[in-house]
Amino acid sequence: DLVRVDLRGGVVTVLARGEVNTAWTRPRWAPDGGRIVAAVQRGGRWRVALVDPRTGAEADVAPDDGAERYDATFTPDGRA
């Protein structure tokens, strides 16, 4: 699972579920706190996804061209 942990109260919120064939890793917050980018492995292939921390909605950010993509990060200004 991709989770958010409130360090003050210990509350764990699941943002995106992992499954037997789905693994999340290396989440990075955007500088403005409005998005998370993370690597997700589904069906044996790594992709990069943007996740909305408020809703858990996710979107792939790379073309579906068969390439493995992981370990993404935001630019310092958070625009890319």
N, C-alpha and C. Protein backbone atom coordinates (compact mmCIF):
# COMPACT_ATOMS: atom_id res chain seq x y z
N ASP A 1 0.83 -1.19 0.00
CA ASP A 1 0.00 0.00 0.00
C ASP A 1 0.88 1.26 0.00
N LEU A 2 0.34 2.31 -0.54
CA LEU A 2 0.93 3.64 -0.42
C LEU A 2 0.12 4.32 0.68
N VAL A 3 0.79 4.69 1.77
CA VAL A 3 0.08 5.23 2.93
C VAL A 3 0.65 6.57 3.34
N ARG A 4 -0.20 7.33 4.06
CA ARG A 4 0.24 8.56 4.72
C ARG A 4 0.14 8.29 6.21
N VAL A 5 1.20 8.65 6.97
CA VAL A 5 1.23 8.44 8.41
C VAL A 5 1.29 9.79 9.10
N ASP A 6 0.33 10.05 9.97
CA ASP A 6 0.34 11.26 10.79
C ASP A 6 1.25 10.97 11.98
N LEU A 7 2.42 11.59 11.99
CA LEU A 7 3.40 11.30 13.03
C LEU A 7 2.99 11.81 14.40
N ARG A 8 2.09 12.78 14.46
CA ARG A 8 1.62 13.28 15.76
C ARG A 8 0.65 12.31 16.41
N GLY A 9 -0.27 11.78 15.64
CA GLY A 9 -1.30 10.92 16.22
C GLY A 9 -1.19 9.45 15.88
N GLY A 10 -0.29 9.12 14.95
CA GLY A 10 -0.11 7.73 14.56
C GLY A 10 -1.17 7.19 13.61
N VAL A 11 -2.01 8.06 13.07
CA VAL A 11 -3.06 7.62 12.16
C VAL A 11 -2.46 7.27 10.80
N VAL A 12 -2.81 6.09 10.29
CA VAL A 12 -2.34 5.64 8.99
C VAL A 12 -3.52 5.70 8.01
N THR A 13 -3.31 6.40 6.89
CA THR A 13 -4.33 6.52 5.86
C THR A 13 -3.82 5.86 4.58
N VAL A 14 -4.57 4.90 4.06
CA VAL A 14 -4.19 4.25 2.80
C VAL A 14 -4.59 5.16 1.65
N LEU A 15 -3.62 5.55 0.84
CA LEU A 15 -3.88 6.38 -0.33
C LEU A 15 -4.12 5.54 -1.57
N ALA A 16 -3.36 4.47 -1.74
CA ALA A 16 -3.51 3.58 -2.89
C ALA A 16 -3.18 2.16 -2.42
N ARG A 17 -4.04 1.25 -2.70
CA ARG A 17 -3.86 -0.13 -2.25
C ARG A 17 -2.83 -0.88 -3.08
N GLY A 18 -2.01 -1.65 -2.39
CA GLY A 18 -1.15 -2.61 -3.05
C GLY A 18 -1.91 -3.93 -3.12
N GLU A 19 -1.45 -4.82 -3.93
CA GLU A 19 -2.06 -6.14 -4.06
C GLU A 19 -0.94 -7.14 -4.29
N VAL A 20 -1.30 -8.38 -4.51
CA VAL A 20 -0.29 -9.41 -4.74
C VAL A 20 0.64 -9.01 -5.89
N ASN A 21 0.08 -8.43 -6.94
CA ASN A 21 0.88 -8.05 -8.11
C ASN A 21 1.07 -6.54 -8.23
N THR A 22 0.86 -5.80 -7.14
CA THR A 22 1.03 -4.34 -7.15
C THR A 22 1.87 -3.93 -5.95
N ALA A 23 2.99 -3.27 -6.21
CA ALA A 23 3.87 -2.79 -5.15
C ALA A 23 4.18 -1.32 -5.36
N TRP A 24 4.11 -0.54 -4.30
CA TRP A 24 4.44 0.89 -4.33
C TRP A 24 5.79 1.11 -3.67
N THR A 25 6.58 2.05 -4.20
CA THR A 25 7.86 2.36 -3.58
C THR A 25 8.29 3.79 -3.92
N ARG A 26 9.18 4.33 -3.12
CA ARG A 26 9.84 5.61 -3.31
C ARG A 26 8.91 6.80 -3.55
N PRO A 27 7.93 7.00 -2.67
CA PRO A 27 7.06 8.17 -2.84
C PRO A 27 7.80 9.47 -2.54
N ARG A 28 7.46 10.51 -3.29
CA ARG A 28 8.05 11.84 -3.10
C ARG A 28 6.92 12.87 -3.12
N TRP A 29 6.90 13.75 -2.14
CA TRP A 29 5.90 14.83 -2.09
C TRP A 29 6.33 15.98 -3.00
N ALA A 30 5.37 16.60 -3.67
CA ALA A 30 5.63 17.83 -4.42
C ALA A 30 5.94 18.93 -3.40
N PRO A 31 6.73 19.92 -3.79
CA PRO A 31 7.07 21.00 -2.86
C PRO A 31 5.84 21.70 -2.26
N ASP A 32 4.74 21.77 -2.99
CA ASP A 32 3.55 22.43 -2.45
C ASP A 32 2.65 21.48 -1.65
N GLY A 33 3.01 20.19 -1.56
CA GLY A 33 2.24 19.22 -0.81
C GLY A 33 0.98 18.75 -1.49
N GLY A 34 0.75 19.16 -2.72
CA GLY A 34 -0.49 18.84 -3.41
C GLY A 34 -0.50 17.55 -4.20
N ARG A 35 0.67 16.95 -4.39
CA ARG A 35 0.77 15.71 -5.17
C ARG A 35 1.88 14.84 -4.62
N ILE A 36 1.79 13.57 -4.92
CA ILE A 36 2.85 12.62 -4.61
C ILE A 36 3.20 11.90 -5.90
N VAL A 37 4.48 11.70 -6.15
CA VAL A 37 4.91 10.87 -7.27
C VAL A 37 5.56 9.63 -6.65
N ALA A 38 5.24 8.47 -7.23
CA ALA A 38 5.78 7.22 -6.69
C ALA A 38 5.92 6.21 -7.82
N ALA A 39 6.77 5.22 -7.58
CA ALA A 39 6.89 4.11 -8.51
C ALA A 39 5.88 3.04 -8.10
N VAL A 40 5.24 2.45 -9.08
CA VAL A 40 4.29 1.36 -8.82
C VAL A 40 4.59 0.23 -9.79
N GLN A 41 4.68 -0.98 -9.25
CA GLN A 41 4.92 -2.14 -10.10
C GLN A 41 3.61 -2.92 -10.20
N ARG A 42 3.16 -3.09 -11.43
CA ARG A 42 1.95 -3.86 -11.71
C ARG A 42 2.27 -4.85 -12.82
N GLY A 43 1.91 -6.08 -12.59
CA GLY A 43 2.14 -7.09 -13.64
C GLY A 43 3.60 -7.21 -14.03
N GLY A 44 4.51 -6.99 -13.10
CA GLY A 44 5.93 -7.14 -13.37
C GLY A 44 6.59 -5.96 -14.05
N ARG A 45 5.88 -4.85 -14.20
CA ARG A 45 6.44 -3.67 -14.88
C ARG A 45 6.36 -2.45 -13.98
N TRP A 46 7.45 -1.69 -13.90
CA TRP A 46 7.50 -0.47 -13.09
C TRP A 46 7.02 0.73 -13.91
N ARG A 47 6.16 1.53 -13.27
CA ARG A 47 5.66 2.77 -13.87
C ARG A 47 5.78 3.88 -12.84
N VAL A 48 5.60 5.10 -13.28
CA VAL A 48 5.58 6.24 -12.37
C VAL A 48 4.15 6.78 -12.35
N ALA A 49 3.64 7.03 -11.15
CA ALA A 49 2.27 7.52 -11.01
C ALA A 49 2.24 8.77 -10.14
N LEU A 50 1.35 9.67 -10.48
CA LEU A 50 1.04 10.81 -9.62
C LEU A 50 -0.17 10.43 -8.78
N VAL A 51 -0.12 10.73 -7.50
CA VAL A 51 -1.21 10.39 -6.59
C VAL A 51 -1.66 11.66 -5.88
N ASP A 52 -2.96 11.86 -5.82
CA ASP A 52 -3.54 12.98 -5.08
C ASP A 52 -3.64 12.55 -3.62
N PRO A 53 -2.92 13.21 -2.70
CA PRO A 53 -2.92 12.77 -1.30
C PRO A 53 -4.26 12.96 -0.58
N ARG A 54 -5.15 13.76 -1.16
CA ARG A 54 -6.46 13.97 -0.54
C ARG A 54 -7.46 12.88 -0.92
N THR A 55 -7.37 12.41 -2.17
CA THR A 55 -8.37 11.46 -2.67
C THR A 55 -7.82 10.08 -2.98
N GLY A 56 -6.50 9.98 -3.17
CA GLY A 56 -5.89 8.72 -3.58
C GLY A 56 -5.98 8.46 -5.08
N ALA A 57 -6.58 9.40 -5.82
CA ALA A 57 -6.67 9.24 -7.27
C ALA A 57 -5.26 9.20 -7.85
N GLU A 58 -5.06 8.29 -8.79
CA GLU A 58 -3.73 8.18 -9.40
C GLU A 58 -3.80 8.28 -10.91
N ALA A 59 -2.70 8.74 -11.48
CA ALA A 59 -2.58 8.86 -12.93
C ALA A 59 -1.16 8.49 -13.34
N ASP A 60 -1.03 7.65 -14.37
CA ASP A 60 0.30 7.35 -14.93
C ASP A 60 0.83 8.62 -15.56
N VAL A 61 2.14 8.84 -15.45
CA VAL A 61 2.73 10.06 -16.01
C VAL A 61 3.69 9.79 -17.16
N ALA A 62 3.71 8.57 -17.64
CA ALA A 62 4.61 8.24 -18.74
C ALA A 62 3.83 7.47 -19.79
N PRO A 63 4.31 7.47 -21.02
CA PRO A 63 3.61 6.74 -22.08
C PRO A 63 3.62 5.23 -21.83
N ASP A 64 2.66 4.55 -22.37
CA ASP A 64 2.58 3.09 -22.24
C ASP A 64 3.41 2.46 -23.36
N ASP A 65 4.75 2.60 -23.23
CA ASP A 65 5.65 2.14 -24.29
C ASP A 65 6.48 0.93 -23.88
N GLY A 66 6.18 0.34 -22.73
CA GLY A 66 6.90 -0.85 -22.29
C GLY A 66 8.17 -0.57 -21.51
N ALA A 67 8.59 0.68 -21.42
CA ALA A 67 9.82 1.02 -20.69
C ALA A 67 9.57 0.96 -19.19
N GLU A 68 10.58 0.54 -18.43
CA GLU A 68 10.53 0.53 -16.97
C GLU A 68 10.86 1.94 -16.47
N ARG A 69 10.02 2.46 -15.59
CA ARG A 69 10.27 3.79 -15.02
C ARG A 69 10.04 3.73 -13.53
N TYR A 70 10.95 4.35 -12.75
CA TYR A 70 10.85 4.35 -11.30
C TYR A 70 11.76 5.42 -10.74
N ASP A 71 11.65 5.66 -9.44
CA ASP A 71 12.50 6.62 -8.73
C ASP A 71 12.39 8.04 -9.26
N ALA A 72 11.16 8.48 -9.49
CA ALA A 72 10.92 9.84 -9.97
C ALA A 72 10.99 10.84 -8.81
N THR A 73 11.16 12.09 -9.16
CA THR A 73 11.13 13.17 -8.17
C THR A 73 10.65 14.43 -8.86
N PHE A 74 10.25 15.39 -8.07
CA PHE A 74 9.81 16.68 -8.62
C PHE A 74 10.98 17.61 -8.81
N THR A 75 10.86 18.53 -9.75
CA THR A 75 11.84 19.60 -9.87
C THR A 75 11.69 20.51 -8.65
N PRO A 76 12.69 21.31 -8.31
CA PRO A 76 12.61 22.15 -7.11
C PRO A 76 11.38 23.06 -7.06
N ASP A 77 10.91 23.52 -8.24
CA ASP A 77 9.73 24.40 -8.23
C ASP A 77 8.42 23.60 -8.23
N GLY A 78 8.49 22.26 -8.38
CA GLY A 78 7.31 21.42 -8.33
C GLY A 78 6.47 21.40 -9.59
N ARG A 79 6.92 22.08 -10.63
CA ARG A 79 6.12 22.17 -11.86
C ARG A 79 6.27 20.95 -12.75
N ALA A 80 7.31 20.16 -12.57
CA ALA A 80 7.53 18.97 -13.41
C ALA A 80 8.06 17.83 -12.56
